[in-house]
Amino acid sequence: MTNHSNNSNSPLNILLNKLAIEYLEIETMEIRNSDRLDFYDVSVWSVKSALEAAYYAGKASSTSGARLAD
């Protein structure tokens, strides 16, 4: 996986962190170099909900002219 933005305060990373917390129960998207801390068991319905939320956030940003990516 490629890291597209190293800036943890970028709009995209803020959104990804919010979605991870809200839908996937992942407390941080920071890499902690520990299997116990970096890998999670996540239900498929949670992944689907997170992907739908990301899709609608991207769709909303494209119609409003806001940029999520750097």
C-alpha atoms as a PDB file:
ATOM      1  CA  MET A   1       0.000   0.000   0.000  1.00  0.00           C
ATOM      2  CA  THR A   2       1.314   3.417  -0.903  1.00  0.00           C
ATOM      3  CA  ASN A   3       1.160   6.280   1.555  1.00  0.00           C
ATOM      4  CA  HIS A   4      -0.218   9.142  -0.521  1.00  0.00           C
ATOM      5  CA  SER A   5       0.079  11.764   2.176  1.00  0.00           C
ATOM      6  CA  ASN A   6       2.633  11.936   4.960  1.00  0.00           C
ATOM      7  CA  ASN A   7       0.889  14.919   6.541  1.00  0.00           C
ATOM      8  CA  SER A   8      -1.250  13.505   9.354  1.00  0.00           C
ATOM      9  CA  ASN A   9      -3.160  16.799   9.465  1.00  0.00           C
ATOM     10  CA  SER A  10      -4.183  16.683   5.812  1.00  0.00           C
ATOM     11  CA  PRO A  11      -7.935  16.642   5.130  1.00  0.00           C
ATOM     12  CA  LEU A  12      -7.637  13.126   3.705  1.00  0.00           C
ATOM     13  CA  ASN A  13      -5.832  11.721   6.755  1.00  0.00           C
ATOM     14  CA  ILE A  14      -8.238  13.442   9.126  1.00  0.00           C
ATOM     15  CA  LEU A  15     -11.154  11.849   7.264  1.00  0.00           C
ATOM     16  CA  LEU A  16      -9.488   8.408   7.195  1.00  0.00           C
ATOM     17  CA  ASN A  17      -8.832   8.562  10.937  1.00  0.00           C
ATOM     18  CA  LYS A  18     -12.427   9.596  11.594  1.00  0.00           C
ATOM     19  CA  LEU A  19     -13.777   6.728   9.482  1.00  0.00           C
ATOM     20  CA  ALA A  20     -11.420   4.206  11.089  1.00  0.00           C
ATOM     21  CA  ILE A  21     -12.544   5.208  14.565  1.00  0.00           C
ATOM     22  CA  GLU A  22     -16.248   5.497  13.777  1.00  0.00           C
ATOM     23  CA  TYR A  23     -16.770   2.453  11.565  1.00  0.00           C
ATOM     24  CA  LEU A  24     -13.872   0.069  12.204  1.00  0.00           C
ATOM     25  CA  GLU A  25     -13.113   0.698  15.892  1.00  0.00           C
ATOM     26  CA  ILE A  26      -9.463   1.387  15.031  1.00  0.00           C
ATOM     27  CA  GLU A  27      -8.075   4.012  17.375  1.00  0.00           C
ATOM     28  CA  THR A  28      -5.340   5.305  15.066  1.00  0.00           C
ATOM     29  CA  MET A  29      -4.145   4.955  11.490  1.00  0.00           C
ATOM     30  CA  GLU A  30      -0.541   5.538  12.575  1.00  0.00           C
ATOM     31  CA  ILE A  31       1.817   2.625  11.901  1.00  0.00           C
ATOM     32  CA  ARG A  32       3.089   1.301  15.220  1.00  0.00           C
ATOM     33  CA  ASN A  33       5.288  -1.542  13.885  1.00  0.00           C
ATOM     34  CA  SER A  34       3.576  -4.193  15.990  1.00  0.00           C
ATOM     35  CA  ASP A  35       1.280  -6.922  14.676  1.00  0.00           C
ATOM     36  CA  ARG A  36      -0.808  -6.666  17.827  1.00  0.00           C
ATOM     37  CA  LEU A  37      -1.315  -2.931  17.265  1.00  0.00           C
ATOM     38  CA  ASP A  38      -1.365  -2.709  13.458  1.00  0.00           C
ATOM     39  CA  PHE A  39      -3.728  -5.572  12.507  1.00  0.00           C
ATOM     40  CA  TYR A  40      -7.404  -5.810  13.386  1.00  0.00           C
ATOM     41  CA  ASP A  41     -10.288  -8.249  13.050  1.00  0.00           C
ATOM     42  CA  VAL A  42     -13.043  -6.251  11.386  1.00  0.00           C
ATOM     43  CA  SER A  43     -16.476  -7.390  10.272  1.00  0.00           C
ATOM     44  CA  VAL A  44     -17.381  -7.193   6.597  1.00  0.00           C
ATOM     45  CA  TRP A  45     -20.406  -5.006   7.377  1.00  0.00           C
ATOM     46  CA  SER A  46     -18.103  -2.523   9.156  1.00  0.00           C
ATOM     47  CA  VAL A  47     -15.770  -2.443   6.151  1.00  0.00           C
ATOM     48  CA  LYS A  48     -18.763  -1.942   3.843  1.00  0.00           C
ATOM     49  CA  SER A  49     -20.059   0.924   5.994  1.00  0.00           C
ATOM     50  CA  ALA A  50     -16.625   2.572   6.082  1.00  0.00           C
ATOM     51  CA  LEU A  51     -16.217   2.257   2.308  1.00  0.00           C
ATOM     52  CA  GLU A  52     -19.691   3.705   1.718  1.00  0.00           C
ATOM     53  CA  ALA A  53     -18.901   6.632   4.027  1.00  0.00           C
ATOM     54  CA  ALA A  54     -15.606   7.234   2.194  1.00  0.00           C
ATOM     55  CA  TYR A  55     -17.390   7.096  -1.164  1.00  0.00           C
ATOM     56  CA  TYR A  56     -20.026   9.616  -0.095  1.00  0.00           C
ATOM     57  CA  ALA A  57     -17.379  11.900   1.444  1.00  0.00           C
ATOM     58  CA  GLY A  58     -15.484  11.881  -1.848  1.00  0.00           C
ATOM     59  CA  LYS A  59     -18.647  12.463  -3.830  1.00  0.00           C
ATOM     60  CA  ALA A  60     -19.603  15.374  -1.571  1.00  0.00           C
ATOM     61  CA  SER A  61     -16.155  16.925  -1.833  1.00  0.00           C
ATOM     62  CA  SER A  62     -16.203  16.718  -5.628  1.00  0.00           C
ATOM     63  CA  THR A  63     -19.519  18.547  -5.854  1.00  0.00           C
ATOM     64  CA  SER A  64     -18.533  21.179  -3.277  1.00  0.00           C
ATOM     65  CA  GLY A  65     -15.090  21.772  -4.750  1.00  0.00           C
ATOM     66  CA  ALA A  66     -13.329  20.784  -1.516  1.00  0.00           C
ATOM     67  CA  ARG A  67     -10.182  18.683  -1.788  1.00  0.00           C
ATOM     68  CA  LEU A  68      -9.612  15.661   0.401  1.00  0.00           C
ATOM     69  CA  ALA A  69      -6.252  14.634  -1.063  1.00  0.00           C
ATOM     70  CA  ASP A  70      -3.077  16.705  -1.055  1.00  0.00           C
END
